[in-house]
Amino acid sequence: MILDGFTERPLGFVGPLDLSWRKFPAAAVEVGQRITAEVTAIDLDQGQAWLSMAATENAQLWTFLKSQRVGEILSGRIASIERFGVFVALDDGPDHPVFPGVGFITISELSWRRFETASDIVQVGQRVSCEFLQFDTWNGEARLSLRATQPDPFRTFAESSAVGQTLQGRVTKLVPFGAFVQVTEEIEGLVHLQELTWTAIEAPEEVVQVGDKIMVVITEIDRERRRLALSRRQTSTALE
């Protein structure tokens, strides 16, 4: 792209994600067409200016999203629940040209606890306050986190528990490599196959079933990855 006022360099370049926030961005431009775009970066070595047409296509939205800071709390109303996440109509945000709301919460950022669908956590029309994570320049969205505004149950558990501690839990899921056991309302841990019993087995179903209450010992608390490792064989009994 040749920039007005420059015969050779810098050349302007609009990436495919900066063409438009609409559904069919490729249809936004044609060869020879004059455009208005915002400079987002300068590559001195290549003599190239990176541009965004999306920024000028909806200047009010771009300005709003650029003004947000990581960690800020934004409030709004749940506008739509999709299988891939939740759209939020922000109180102070403009309308989005395509989506039901400018804010968006991915499934993983809805809650610390396990759930089947997003509607288990929120409902359309519900008011929420979320933490701003980033400006998604591809979709023109404010990426949000609802769970960041809530206490992390794993951190609370880790602070009050220790390796070697014995707990009672309920088997919630069987997998080829072991069994998941719920030890508190919000915390599950994995008992690896070799930790289910002192006797060699090929599948967890040989010794436990979903719904069984068993005694387990904490063998590892991984705070960074938020993982809890348990052992059944290190306890002397199991509650049927």
C-alpha atoms as a PDB file:
ATOM      1  CA  MET A   1       0.000   0.000   0.000  1.00  0.00           C
ATOM      2  CA  ILE A   2       1.397   3.418  -1.024  1.00  0.00           C
ATOM      3  CA  LEU A   3       0.969   6.074   1.646  1.00  0.00           C
ATOM      4  CA  ASP A   4      -0.006   9.657   0.758  1.00  0.00           C
ATOM      5  CA  GLY A   5       3.052  11.890   0.814  1.00  0.00           C
ATOM      6  CA  PHE A   6       5.567   9.039   0.365  1.00  0.00           C
ATOM      7  CA  THR A   7       6.641   7.989  -3.113  1.00  0.00           C
ATOM      8  CA  GLU A   8       8.550   4.882  -2.020  1.00  0.00           C
ATOM      9  CA  ARG A   9       8.803   4.185   1.692  1.00  0.00           C
ATOM     10  CA  PRO A  10       7.420   3.579   4.194  1.00  0.00           C
ATOM     11  CA  LEU A  11       4.963   1.222   2.598  1.00  0.00           C
ATOM     12  CA  GLY A  12       1.757   0.608   4.442  1.00  0.00           C
ATOM     13  CA  PHE A  13       0.620  -2.904   5.322  1.00  0.00           C
ATOM     14  CA  VAL A  14      -2.790  -3.924   6.657  1.00  0.00           C
ATOM     15  CA  GLY A  15      -2.804  -7.458   8.032  1.00  0.00           C
ATOM     16  CA  PRO A  16      -5.818  -9.713   7.486  1.00  0.00           C
ATOM     17  CA  LEU A  17      -6.864  -9.285  11.123  1.00  0.00           C
ATOM     18  CA  ASP A  18      -6.788  -5.486  10.837  1.00  0.00           C
ATOM     19  CA  LEU A  19      -8.981  -5.109   7.765  1.00  0.00           C
ATOM     20  CA  SER A  20     -12.339  -5.097   9.491  1.00  0.00           C
ATOM     21  CA  TRP A  21     -14.217  -6.445  12.507  1.00  0.00           C
ATOM     22  CA  ARG A  22     -17.099  -7.448  10.272  1.00  0.00           C
ATOM     23  CA  LYS A  23     -17.818 -11.019   9.224  1.00  0.00           C
ATOM     24  CA  PHE A  24     -16.237 -10.809   5.769  1.00  0.00           C
ATOM     25  CA  PRO A  25     -13.152  -8.566   6.102  1.00  0.00           C
ATOM     26  CA  ALA A  26     -11.660  -9.612   2.751  1.00  0.00           C
ATOM     27  CA  ALA A  27     -14.491  -7.788   0.992  1.00  0.00           C
ATOM     28  CA  ALA A  28     -13.523  -4.534   2.702  1.00  0.00           C
ATOM     29  CA  VAL A  29     -10.906  -3.475   0.127  1.00  0.00           C
ATOM     30  CA  GLU A  30     -10.129  -3.547  -3.579  1.00  0.00           C
ATOM     31  CA  VAL A  31      -6.964  -2.737  -5.561  1.00  0.00           C
ATOM     32  CA  GLY A  32      -6.780   0.998  -6.199  1.00  0.00           C
ATOM     33  CA  GLN A  33      -9.198   1.857  -3.418  1.00  0.00           C
ATOM     34  CA  ARG A  34      -8.316   4.746  -1.110  1.00  0.00           C
ATOM     35  CA  ILE A  35      -8.488   3.920   2.587  1.00  0.00           C
ATOM     36  CA  THR A  36      -8.002   5.550   5.969  1.00  0.00           C
ATOM     37  CA  ALA A  37      -6.167   3.554   8.612  1.00  0.00           C
ATOM     38  CA  GLU A  38      -4.396   4.064  11.942  1.00  0.00           C
ATOM     39  CA  VAL A  39      -0.676   3.382  12.289  1.00  0.00           C
ATOM     40  CA  THR A  40      -0.219   0.641  14.882  1.00  0.00           C
ATOM     41  CA  ALA A  41       3.525  -0.053  14.480  1.00  0.00           C
ATOM     42  CA  ILE A  42       6.584   1.012  12.477  1.00  0.00           C
ATOM     43  CA  ASP A  43       9.199  -1.437  11.175  1.00  0.00           C
ATOM     44  CA  LEU A  44      12.273   0.721  10.528  1.00  0.00           C
ATOM     45  CA  ASP A  45      14.362  -2.132   9.130  1.00  0.00           C
ATOM     46  CA  GLN A  46      11.775  -3.040   6.524  1.00  0.00           C
ATOM     47  CA  GLY A  47      10.599   0.504   5.937  1.00  0.00           C
ATOM     48  CA  GLN A  48       7.061  -0.556   6.627  1.00  0.00           C
ATOM     49  CA  ALA A  49       4.155   0.915   8.541  1.00  0.00           C
ATOM     50  CA  TRP A  50       1.620  -1.481  10.053  1.00  0.00           C
ATOM     51  CA  LEU A  51      -1.903  -0.140   9.718  1.00  0.00           C
ATOM     52  CA  SER A  52      -5.377  -0.933  10.999  1.00  0.00           C
ATOM     53  CA  MET A  53      -8.471  -0.159   8.975  1.00  0.00           C
ATOM     54  CA  ALA A  54     -10.613  -1.591  11.773  1.00  0.00           C
ATOM     55  CA  ALA A  55      -9.418   1.228  14.016  1.00  0.00           C
ATOM     56  CA  THR A  56     -10.947   3.876  11.772  1.00  0.00           C
ATOM     57  CA  GLU A  57     -13.945   1.797  10.740  1.00  0.00           C
ATOM     58  CA  ASN A  58     -15.322   2.161  14.267  1.00  0.00           C
ATOM     59  CA  ALA A  59     -13.240   4.846  15.933  1.00  0.00           C
ATOM     60  CA  GLN A  60     -15.425   5.027  19.051  1.00  0.00           C
ATOM     61  CA  LEU A  61     -15.032   1.311  19.731  1.00  0.00           C
ATOM     62  CA  TRP A  62     -11.274   1.362  19.054  1.00  0.00           C
ATOM     63  CA  THR A  63     -10.791   4.327  21.382  1.00  0.00           C
ATOM     64  CA  PHE A  64     -12.804   2.649  24.128  1.00  0.00           C
ATOM     65  CA  LEU A  65     -10.876  -0.618  23.921  1.00  0.00           C
ATOM     66  CA  LYS A  66      -7.492   1.109  23.797  1.00  0.00           C
ATOM     67  CA  SER A  67      -8.339   3.078  26.941  1.00  0.00           C
ATOM     68  CA  GLN A  68      -8.822  -0.045  29.080  1.00  0.00           C
ATOM     69  CA  ARG A  69      -6.039  -1.267  31.352  1.00  0.00           C
ATOM     70  CA  VAL A  70      -5.256  -4.826  32.371  1.00  0.00           C
ATOM     71  CA  GLY A  71      -6.753  -5.541  35.779  1.00  0.00           C
ATOM     72  CA  GLU A  72      -9.523  -2.947  35.579  1.00  0.00           C
ATOM     73  CA  ILE A  73     -13.001  -4.052  36.616  1.00  0.00           C
ATOM     74  CA  LEU A  74     -15.716  -3.572  34.001  1.00  0.00           C
ATOM     75  CA  SER A  75     -19.425  -4.117  34.601  1.00  0.00           C
ATOM     76  CA  GLY A  76     -22.211  -5.023  32.234  1.00  0.00           C
ATOM     77  CA  ARG A  77     -25.009  -7.397  31.325  1.00  0.00           C
ATOM     78  CA  ILE A  78     -24.771 -10.886  29.823  1.00  0.00           C
ATOM     79  CA  ALA A  79     -25.961 -10.347  26.243  1.00  0.00           C
ATOM     80  CA  SER A  80     -25.547 -13.817  24.762  1.00  0.00           C
ATOM     81  CA  ILE A  81     -24.363 -17.286  25.786  1.00  0.00           C
ATOM     82  CA  GLU A  82     -22.547 -19.299  23.118  1.00  0.00           C
ATOM     83  CA  ARG A  83     -20.805 -22.694  23.234  1.00  0.00           C
ATOM     84  CA  PHE A  84     -17.407 -20.955  22.984  1.00  0.00           C
ATOM     85  CA  GLY A  85     -18.035 -18.201  25.548  1.00  0.00           C
ATOM     86  CA  VAL A  86     -20.233 -15.367  26.740  1.00  0.00           C
ATOM     87  CA  PHE A  87     -20.785 -11.893  25.285  1.00  0.00           C
ATOM     88  CA  VAL A  88     -21.160  -8.985  27.702  1.00  0.00           C
ATOM     89  CA  ALA A  89     -22.781  -5.639  26.885  1.00  0.00           C
ATOM     90  CA  LEU A  90     -20.577  -3.288  28.907  1.00  0.00           C
ATOM     91  CA  ASP A  91     -22.170  -0.372  30.739  1.00  0.00           C
ATOM     92  CA  ASP A  92     -19.696   2.185  29.422  1.00  0.00           C
ATOM     93  CA  GLY A  93     -18.881   0.520  26.124  1.00  0.00           C
ATOM     94  CA  PRO A  94     -20.255   1.284  22.649  1.00  0.00           C
ATOM     95  CA  ASP A  95     -22.176  -1.210  20.552  1.00  0.00           C
ATOM     96  CA  HIS A  96     -20.214  -3.764  18.555  1.00  0.00           C
ATOM     97  CA  PRO A  97     -20.751  -3.790  14.761  1.00  0.00           C
ATOM     98  CA  VAL A  98     -21.193  -7.592  14.718  1.00  0.00           C
ATOM     99  CA  PHE A  99     -21.411  -9.176  18.162  1.00  0.00           C
ATOM    100  CA  PRO A 100     -24.076  -8.803  20.883  1.00  0.00           C
ATOM    101  CA  GLY A 101     -21.570  -7.154  23.212  1.00  0.00           C
ATOM    102  CA  VAL A 102     -18.109  -5.584  23.273  1.00  0.00           C
ATOM    103  CA  GLY A 103     -17.029  -7.731  26.228  1.00  0.00           C
ATOM    104  CA  PHE A 104     -16.290 -11.427  25.857  1.00  0.00           C
ATOM    105  CA  ILE A 105     -15.602 -14.133  28.457  1.00  0.00           C
ATOM    106  CA  THR A 106     -14.116 -17.428  27.261  1.00  0.00           C
ATOM    107  CA  ILE A 107     -15.422 -20.622  28.856  1.00  0.00           C
ATOM    108  CA  SER A 108     -12.245 -21.094  30.907  1.00  0.00           C
ATOM    109  CA  GLU A 109     -12.573 -17.615  32.441  1.00  0.00           C
ATOM    110  CA  LEU A 110     -16.151 -18.040  33.674  1.00  0.00           C
ATOM    111  CA  SER A 111     -15.499 -19.891  36.932  1.00  0.00           C
ATOM    112  CA  TRP A 112     -12.889 -21.719  38.992  1.00  0.00           C
ATOM    113  CA  ARG A 113     -15.209 -24.674  39.533  1.00  0.00           C
ATOM    114  CA  ARG A 114     -16.016 -27.373  37.012  1.00  0.00           C
ATOM    115  CA  PHE A 115     -19.244 -27.004  35.047  1.00  0.00           C
ATOM    116  CA  GLU A 116     -20.953 -28.506  32.023  1.00  0.00           C
ATOM    117  CA  THR A 117     -22.192 -25.420  30.156  1.00  0.00           C
ATOM    118  CA  ALA A 118     -21.832 -21.654  30.484  1.00  0.00           C
ATOM    119  CA  SER A 119     -25.482 -21.405  31.497  1.00  0.00           C
ATOM    120  CA  ASP A 120     -24.549 -23.260  34.705  1.00  0.00           C
ATOM    121  CA  ILE A 121     -22.633 -20.120  35.698  1.00  0.00           C
ATOM    122  CA  VAL A 122     -24.455 -17.152  34.124  1.00  0.00           C
ATOM    123  CA  GLN A 123     -27.784 -16.318  32.525  1.00  0.00           C
ATOM    124  CA  VAL A 124     -28.725 -13.873  29.754  1.00  0.00           C
ATOM    125  CA  GLY A 125     -29.599 -10.537  31.339  1.00  0.00           C
ATOM    126  CA  GLN A 126     -27.536 -11.162  34.467  1.00  0.00           C
ATOM    127  CA  ARG A 127     -25.309  -8.326  35.621  1.00  0.00           C
ATOM    128  CA  VAL A 128     -21.628  -9.162  36.103  1.00  0.00           C
ATOM    129  CA  SER A 129     -18.391  -7.413  37.037  1.00  0.00           C
ATOM    130  CA  CYS A 130     -15.292  -8.776  35.311  1.00  0.00           C
ATOM    131  CA  GLU A 131     -11.559  -8.118  35.130  1.00  0.00           C
ATOM    132  CA  PHE A 132     -10.205  -6.745  31.844  1.00  0.00           C
ATOM    133  CA  LEU A 133      -7.572  -9.102  30.399  1.00  0.00           C
ATOM    134  CA  GLN A 134      -6.722  -7.694  26.971  1.00  0.00           C
ATOM    135  CA  PHE A 135      -7.854  -5.847  23.870  1.00  0.00           C
ATOM    136  CA  ASP A 136      -8.603  -8.469  21.217  1.00  0.00           C
ATOM    137  CA  THR A 137      -7.751  -6.476  18.085  1.00  0.00           C
ATOM    138  CA  TRP A 138      -8.836  -9.344  15.830  1.00  0.00           C
ATOM    139  CA  ASN A 139     -12.483  -9.278  16.926  1.00  0.00           C
ATOM    140  CA  GLY A 140     -12.636  -5.800  18.432  1.00  0.00           C
ATOM    141  CA  GLU A 141     -13.458  -7.194  21.864  1.00  0.00           C
ATOM    142  CA  ALA A 142     -12.586  -6.618  25.484  1.00  0.00           C
ATOM    143  CA  ARG A 143     -11.474 -10.032  26.747  1.00  0.00           C
ATOM    144  CA  LEU A 144     -12.790 -10.417  30.282  1.00  0.00           C
ATOM    145  CA  SER A 145     -12.514 -12.791  33.224  1.00  0.00           C
ATOM    146  CA  LEU A 146     -15.350 -13.432  35.642  1.00  0.00           C
ATOM    147  CA  ARG A 147     -13.418 -15.945  37.717  1.00  0.00           C
ATOM    148  CA  ALA A 148     -10.608 -13.429  38.347  1.00  0.00           C
ATOM    149  CA  THR A 149     -13.027 -11.467  40.542  1.00  0.00           C
ATOM    150  CA  GLN A 150     -13.683 -14.543  42.684  1.00  0.00           C
ATOM    151  CA  PRO A 151     -11.448 -16.244  45.292  1.00  0.00           C
ATOM    152  CA  ASP A 152      -9.373 -19.078  43.859  1.00  0.00           C
ATOM    153  CA  PRO A 153     -10.554 -22.200  45.734  1.00  0.00           C
ATOM    154  CA  PHE A 154      -7.380 -24.092  44.869  1.00  0.00           C
ATOM    155  CA  ARG A 155      -5.215 -21.450  46.519  1.00  0.00           C
ATOM    156  CA  THR A 156      -7.410 -21.557  49.612  1.00  0.00           C
ATOM    157  CA  PHE A 157      -7.187 -25.359  49.653  1.00  0.00           C
ATOM    158  CA  ALA A 158      -3.411 -25.322  49.191  1.00  0.00           C
ATOM    159  CA  GLU A 159      -2.956 -22.924  52.104  1.00  0.00           C
ATOM    160  CA  SER A 160      -4.939 -25.134  54.481  1.00  0.00           C
ATOM    161  CA  SER A 161      -3.718 -28.574  53.305  1.00  0.00           C
ATOM    162  CA  ALA A 162      -0.402 -30.441  53.246  1.00  0.00           C
ATOM    163  CA  VAL A 163       1.269 -33.409  51.575  1.00  0.00           C
ATOM    164  CA  GLY A 164       0.627 -36.517  53.652  1.00  0.00           C
ATOM    165  CA  GLN A 165      -2.782 -35.378  54.829  1.00  0.00           C
ATOM    166  CA  THR A 166      -5.613 -37.927  54.640  1.00  0.00           C
ATOM    167  CA  LEU A 167      -8.973 -36.886  53.188  1.00  0.00           C
ATOM    168  CA  GLN A 168     -12.261 -38.493  52.325  1.00  0.00           C
ATOM    169  CA  GLY A 169     -13.518 -37.961  48.799  1.00  0.00           C
ATOM    170  CA  ARG A 170     -15.952 -39.143  46.147  1.00  0.00           C
ATOM    171  CA  VAL A 171     -14.936 -40.673  42.823  1.00  0.00           C
ATOM    172  CA  THR A 172     -16.287 -38.386  40.078  1.00  0.00           C
ATOM    173  CA  LYS A 173     -14.674 -39.703  36.903  1.00  0.00           C
ATOM    174  CA  LEU A 174     -12.724 -42.734  35.695  1.00  0.00           C
ATOM    175  CA  VAL A 175     -10.049 -42.413  33.005  1.00  0.00           C
ATOM    176  CA  PRO A 176      -7.599 -44.998  31.594  1.00  0.00           C
ATOM    177  CA  PHE A 177      -4.778 -43.623  33.759  1.00  0.00           C
ATOM    178  CA  GLY A 178      -6.659 -43.316  37.040  1.00  0.00           C
ATOM    179  CA  ALA A 179      -9.607 -41.766  38.852  1.00  0.00           C
ATOM    180  CA  PHE A 180     -10.611 -38.231  39.744  1.00  0.00           C
ATOM    181  CA  VAL A 181     -11.716 -37.761  43.325  1.00  0.00           C
ATOM    182  CA  GLN A 182     -13.601 -34.745  44.695  1.00  0.00           C
ATOM    183  CA  VAL A 183     -12.203 -33.877  48.124  1.00  0.00           C
ATOM    184  CA  THR A 184     -14.062 -30.572  48.670  1.00  0.00           C
ATOM    185  CA  GLU A 185     -17.028 -28.951  46.964  1.00  0.00           C
ATOM    186  CA  GLU A 186     -14.749 -27.268  44.423  1.00  0.00           C
ATOM    187  CA  ILE A 187     -11.522 -29.303  44.443  1.00  0.00           C
ATOM    188  CA  GLU A 188     -10.752 -32.535  42.616  1.00  0.00           C
ATOM    189  CA  GLY A 189      -7.549 -34.506  42.555  1.00  0.00           C
ATOM    190  CA  LEU A 190      -6.205 -37.369  40.449  1.00  0.00           C
ATOM    191  CA  VAL A 191      -5.376 -40.795  41.817  1.00  0.00           C
ATOM    192  CA  HIS A 192      -3.071 -42.377  39.256  1.00  0.00           C
ATOM    193  CA  LEU A 193      -3.688 -46.004  38.348  1.00  0.00           C
ATOM    194  CA  GLN A 194      -0.659 -47.242  40.312  1.00  0.00           C
ATOM    195  CA  GLU A 195      -1.849 -45.297  43.373  1.00  0.00           C
ATOM    196  CA  LEU A 196      -5.290 -46.907  43.490  1.00  0.00           C
ATOM    197  CA  THR A 197      -4.131 -50.194  45.002  1.00  0.00           C
ATOM    198  CA  TRP A 198      -0.990 -52.129  45.915  1.00  0.00           C
ATOM    199  CA  THR A 199      -2.056 -54.827  43.454  1.00  0.00           C
ATOM    200  CA  ALA A 200      -1.308 -54.265  39.757  1.00  0.00           C
ATOM    201  CA  ILE A 201      -4.463 -53.428  37.777  1.00  0.00           C
ATOM    202  CA  GLU A 202      -5.165 -52.500  34.155  1.00  0.00           C
ATOM    203  CA  ALA A 203      -8.208 -50.253  34.662  1.00  0.00           C
ATOM    204  CA  PRO A 204      -9.556 -48.185  37.573  1.00  0.00           C
ATOM    205  CA  GLU A 205     -12.934 -49.941  37.289  1.00  0.00           C
ATOM    206  CA  GLU A 206     -11.322 -52.997  38.843  1.00  0.00           C
ATOM    207  CA  VAL A 207     -11.219 -51.310  42.255  1.00  0.00           C
ATOM    208  CA  VAL A 208     -13.452 -48.205  42.235  1.00  0.00           C
ATOM    209  CA  GLN A 209     -16.616 -46.897  40.591  1.00  0.00           C
ATOM    210  CA  VAL A 210     -18.022 -43.407  40.059  1.00  0.00           C
ATOM    211  CA  GLY A 211     -19.822 -42.377  43.229  1.00  0.00           C
ATOM    212  CA  ASP A 212     -17.639 -44.443  45.586  1.00  0.00           C
ATOM    213  CA  LYS A 213     -16.465 -42.698  48.741  1.00  0.00           C
ATOM    214  CA  ILE A 214     -12.821 -43.456  49.420  1.00  0.00           C
ATOM    215  CA  MET A 215      -9.982 -42.305  51.640  1.00  0.00           C
ATOM    216  CA  VAL A 216      -7.011 -40.694  49.913  1.00  0.00           C
ATOM    217  CA  VAL A 217      -3.672 -39.199  50.895  1.00  0.00           C
ATOM    218  CA  ILE A 218      -2.330 -35.972  49.361  1.00  0.00           C
ATOM    219  CA  THR A 219       0.931 -36.745  47.559  1.00  0.00           C
ATOM    220  CA  GLU A 220       1.461 -33.452  45.692  1.00  0.00           C
ATOM    221  CA  ILE A 221      -0.029 -29.951  45.584  1.00  0.00           C
ATOM    222  CA  ASP A 222       1.066 -28.164  42.390  1.00  0.00           C
ATOM    223  CA  ARG A 223       0.086 -24.529  42.923  1.00  0.00           C
ATOM    224  CA  GLU A 224       1.420 -23.317  39.580  1.00  0.00           C
ATOM    225  CA  ARG A 225      -0.556 -25.798  37.474  1.00  0.00           C
ATOM    226  CA  ARG A 226      -3.373 -26.032  40.031  1.00  0.00           C
ATOM    227  CA  ARG A 227      -3.162 -29.816  40.212  1.00  0.00           C
ATOM    228  CA  LEU A 228      -3.710 -32.134  43.139  1.00  0.00           C
ATOM    229  CA  ALA A 229      -2.198 -35.635  43.207  1.00  0.00           C
ATOM    230  CA  LEU A 230      -3.699 -38.248  45.526  1.00  0.00           C
ATOM    231  CA  SER A 231      -3.072 -41.842  46.597  1.00  0.00           C
ATOM    232  CA  ARG A 232      -5.594 -44.445  47.702  1.00  0.00           C
ATOM    233  CA  ARG A 233      -3.124 -47.239  48.285  1.00  0.00           C
ATOM    234  CA  GLN A 234      -1.347 -45.245  51.002  1.00  0.00           C
ATOM    235  CA  THR A 235      -4.452 -45.436  53.157  1.00  0.00           C
ATOM    236  CA  SER A 236      -5.405 -48.608  55.013  1.00  0.00           C
ATOM    237  CA  THR A 237      -9.153 -48.559  54.292  1.00  0.00           C
ATOM    238  CA  ALA A 238     -11.698 -47.284  51.792  1.00  0.00           C
ATOM    239  CA  LEU A 239     -15.265 -46.334  52.554  1.00  0.00           C
ATOM    240  CA  GLU A 240     -17.710 -48.202  50.365  1.00  0.00           C
END
